[in-house]
Amino acid sequence: LQAKKHNLRIGEVPITCSYDSGSTSSQNPVHHGILVLIGILHSRSLCIGTSGLLISAAMLIGLWIADIHELSFALLLLFVISICAGIILQSIAKAFYELKKGDL
């Protein structure tokens, strides 16, 4: 949609790929992972998910202190759902913002 708005055309271009060349990635995986995390934090994609992470971590610490292990799987599931919900809600909010701004 943005390509059409800016009068750009999208076309398919054939590519060739060889995986047996022997060369590896030019980036260190740790450095690349840190850059990805910085990009995520910069775009605030996990604001709601981060709060879900903090709440889940606090609940896990509370369970550890109380020595209740039966609920740990449920809290892990809650943590994963919170992170996914944070990503989805941030994506929806960003789409609405771009739609309101007129870029989408």
C-alpha atoms as a PDB file:
ATOM      1  CA  LEU A   1       0.000   0.000   0.000  1.00  0.00           C
ATOM      2  CA  GLN A   2       2.801   2.413   0.809  1.00  0.00           C
ATOM      3  CA  ALA A   3       4.565   1.520  -2.442  1.00  0.00           C
ATOM      4  CA  LYS A   4       1.461   2.489  -4.425  1.00  0.00           C
ATOM      5  CA  LYS A   5       1.132   5.727  -2.490  1.00  0.00           C
ATOM      6  CA  HIS A   6       4.700   6.671  -3.423  1.00  0.00           C
ATOM      7  CA  ASN A   7       4.236   5.578  -7.072  1.00  0.00           C
ATOM      8  CA  LEU A   8       6.552   2.589  -6.791  1.00  0.00           C
ATOM      9  CA  ARG A   9       6.160  -0.700  -8.594  1.00  0.00           C
ATOM     10  CA  ILE A  10       6.724  -4.107  -7.100  1.00  0.00           C
ATOM     11  CA  GLY A  11       8.027  -6.906  -9.264  1.00  0.00           C
ATOM     12  CA  GLU A  12       9.371 -10.393  -8.786  1.00  0.00           C
ATOM     13  CA  VAL A  13      13.034 -10.884  -9.563  1.00  0.00           C
ATOM     14  CA  PRO A  14      14.635 -14.322  -9.804  1.00  0.00           C
ATOM     15  CA  ILE A  15      17.546 -14.963  -7.458  1.00  0.00           C
ATOM     16  CA  THR A  16      20.213 -17.595  -7.150  1.00  0.00           C
ATOM     17  CA  CYS A  17      21.393 -18.846  -3.799  1.00  0.00           C
ATOM     18  CA  SER A  18      24.260 -21.180  -3.002  1.00  0.00           C
ATOM     19  CA  TYR A  19      24.577 -22.516   0.539  1.00  0.00           C
ATOM     20  CA  ASP A  20      27.746 -24.521  -0.095  1.00  0.00           C
ATOM     21  CA  SER A  21      30.021 -21.512  -0.593  1.00  0.00           C
ATOM     22  CA  GLY A  22      31.718 -22.054   2.779  1.00  0.00           C
ATOM     23  CA  SER A  23      31.573 -18.427   3.845  1.00  0.00           C
ATOM     24  CA  THR A  24      29.687 -17.526   6.983  1.00  0.00           C
ATOM     25  CA  SER A  25      27.777 -14.496   8.119  1.00  0.00           C
ATOM     26  CA  SER A  26      29.758 -11.293   8.402  1.00  0.00           C
ATOM     27  CA  GLN A  27      28.103 -10.375  11.715  1.00  0.00           C
ATOM     28  CA  ASN A  28      28.850 -11.775  15.124  1.00  0.00           C
ATOM     29  CA  PRO A  29      25.636 -13.486  16.339  1.00  0.00           C
ATOM     30  CA  VAL A  30      25.836 -11.847  19.778  1.00  0.00           C
ATOM     31  CA  HIS A  31      26.300  -8.393  18.240  1.00  0.00           C
ATOM     32  CA  HIS A  32      23.454  -9.017  15.806  1.00  0.00           C
ATOM     33  CA  GLY A  33      21.179 -10.216  18.626  1.00  0.00           C
ATOM     34  CA  ILE A  34      21.948  -7.088  20.646  1.00  0.00           C
ATOM     35  CA  LEU A  35      21.198  -4.906  17.614  1.00  0.00           C
ATOM     36  CA  VAL A  36      17.870  -6.684  17.146  1.00  0.00           C
ATOM     37  CA  LEU A  37      16.955  -6.166  20.822  1.00  0.00           C
ATOM     38  CA  ILE A  38      17.934  -2.493  20.617  1.00  0.00           C
ATOM     39  CA  GLY A  39      15.767  -2.126  17.516  1.00  0.00           C
ATOM     40  CA  ILE A  40      12.828  -3.732  19.282  1.00  0.00           C
ATOM     41  CA  LEU A  41      13.259  -1.549  22.347  1.00  0.00           C
ATOM     42  CA  HIS A  42      13.718   1.531  20.163  1.00  0.00           C
ATOM     43  CA  SER A  43      10.441   0.956  18.356  1.00  0.00           C
ATOM     44  CA  ARG A  44       8.681   0.135  21.652  1.00  0.00           C
ATOM     45  CA  SER A  45       7.263  -3.100  20.265  1.00  0.00           C
ATOM     46  CA  LEU A  46       7.306  -4.833  23.606  1.00  0.00           C
ATOM     47  CA  CYS A  47       5.999  -2.162  25.982  1.00  0.00           C
ATOM     48  CA  ILE A  48       2.960  -4.169  26.985  1.00  0.00           C
ATOM     49  CA  GLY A  49       4.890  -7.411  26.731  1.00  0.00           C
ATOM     50  CA  THR A  50       7.638  -6.024  28.964  1.00  0.00           C
ATOM     51  CA  SER A  51       5.163  -5.201  31.693  1.00  0.00           C
ATOM     52  CA  GLY A  52       3.767  -8.713  31.326  1.00  0.00           C
ATOM     53  CA  LEU A  53       7.315 -10.011  31.690  1.00  0.00           C
ATOM     54  CA  LEU A  54       7.859  -7.993  34.863  1.00  0.00           C
ATOM     55  CA  ILE A  55       4.574  -9.129  36.376  1.00  0.00           C
ATOM     56  CA  SER A  56       5.314 -12.747  35.480  1.00  0.00           C
ATOM     57  CA  ALA A  57       8.823 -12.478  36.929  1.00  0.00           C
ATOM     58  CA  ALA A  58       7.435 -11.029  40.157  1.00  0.00           C
ATOM     59  CA  MET A  59       4.883 -13.832  40.367  1.00  0.00           C
ATOM     60  CA  LEU A  60       7.568 -16.460  39.745  1.00  0.00           C
ATOM     61  CA  ILE A  61       9.734 -14.979  42.489  1.00  0.00           C
ATOM     62  CA  GLY A  62       6.725 -15.000  44.803  1.00  0.00           C
ATOM     63  CA  LEU A  63       6.066 -18.649  44.022  1.00  0.00           C
ATOM     64  CA  TRP A  64       9.708 -19.504  44.562  1.00  0.00           C
ATOM     65  CA  ILE A  65       9.640 -17.816  47.935  1.00  0.00           C
ATOM     66  CA  ALA A  66       6.404 -19.574  48.885  1.00  0.00           C
ATOM     67  CA  ASP A  67       7.838 -22.862  47.500  1.00  0.00           C
ATOM     68  CA  ILE A  68       4.796 -23.619  45.353  1.00  0.00           C
ATOM     69  CA  HIS A  69       5.914 -25.407  42.202  1.00  0.00           C
ATOM     70  CA  GLU A  70       2.620 -26.671  40.835  1.00  0.00           C
ATOM     71  CA  LEU A  71       1.682 -23.295  39.350  1.00  0.00           C
ATOM     72  CA  SER A  72       4.997 -22.659  37.591  1.00  0.00           C
ATOM     73  CA  PHE A  73       3.775 -24.096  34.266  1.00  0.00           C
ATOM     74  CA  ALA A  74       0.662 -21.908  34.357  1.00  0.00           C
ATOM     75  CA  LEU A  75       2.785 -18.840  35.020  1.00  0.00           C
ATOM     76  CA  LEU A  76       5.148 -19.751  32.202  1.00  0.00           C
ATOM     77  CA  LEU A  77       2.132 -20.001  29.926  1.00  0.00           C
ATOM     78  CA  LEU A  78       0.895 -16.640  31.223  1.00  0.00           C
ATOM     79  CA  PHE A  79       4.315 -15.139  30.486  1.00  0.00           C
ATOM     80  CA  VAL A  80       4.335 -16.407  26.895  1.00  0.00           C
ATOM     81  CA  ILE A  81       0.772 -15.206  26.295  1.00  0.00           C
ATOM     82  CA  SER A  82       1.638 -11.783  27.762  1.00  0.00           C
ATOM     83  CA  ILE A  83       4.622 -11.384  25.450  1.00  0.00           C
ATOM     84  CA  CYS A  84       2.568 -12.428  22.400  1.00  0.00           C
ATOM     85  CA  ALA A  85      -0.266 -10.099  23.387  1.00  0.00           C
ATOM     86  CA  GLY A  86       2.208  -7.240  23.809  1.00  0.00           C
ATOM     87  CA  ILE A  87       3.633  -7.759  20.333  1.00  0.00           C
ATOM     88  CA  ILE A  88       0.183  -8.048  18.742  1.00  0.00           C
ATOM     89  CA  LEU A  89      -1.243  -5.016  20.542  1.00  0.00           C
ATOM     90  CA  GLN A  90       1.792  -2.887  19.687  1.00  0.00           C
ATOM     91  CA  SER A  91       1.503  -3.912  16.028  1.00  0.00           C
ATOM     92  CA  ILE A  92      -2.189  -2.989  16.007  1.00  0.00           C
ATOM     93  CA  ALA A  93      -1.471   0.347  17.703  1.00  0.00           C
ATOM     94  CA  LYS A  94       1.287   1.104  15.184  1.00  0.00           C
ATOM     95  CA  ALA A  95      -1.011   0.217  12.272  1.00  0.00           C
ATOM     96  CA  PHE A  96      -3.752   2.502  13.630  1.00  0.00           C
ATOM     97  CA  TYR A  97      -1.206   5.289  14.132  1.00  0.00           C
ATOM     98  CA  GLU A  98       0.047   4.958  10.547  1.00  0.00           C
ATOM     99  CA  LEU A  99      -3.531   4.779   9.270  1.00  0.00           C
ATOM    100  CA  LYS A 100      -4.445   7.913  11.199  1.00  0.00           C
ATOM    101  CA  LYS A 101      -1.284   9.641   9.990  1.00  0.00           C
ATOM    102  CA  GLY A 102      -2.079   8.625   6.424  1.00  0.00           C
ATOM    103  CA  ASP A 103       1.023   6.551   5.701  1.00  0.00           C
ATOM    104  CA  LEU A 104      -0.700   3.204   5.422  1.00  0.00           C
END
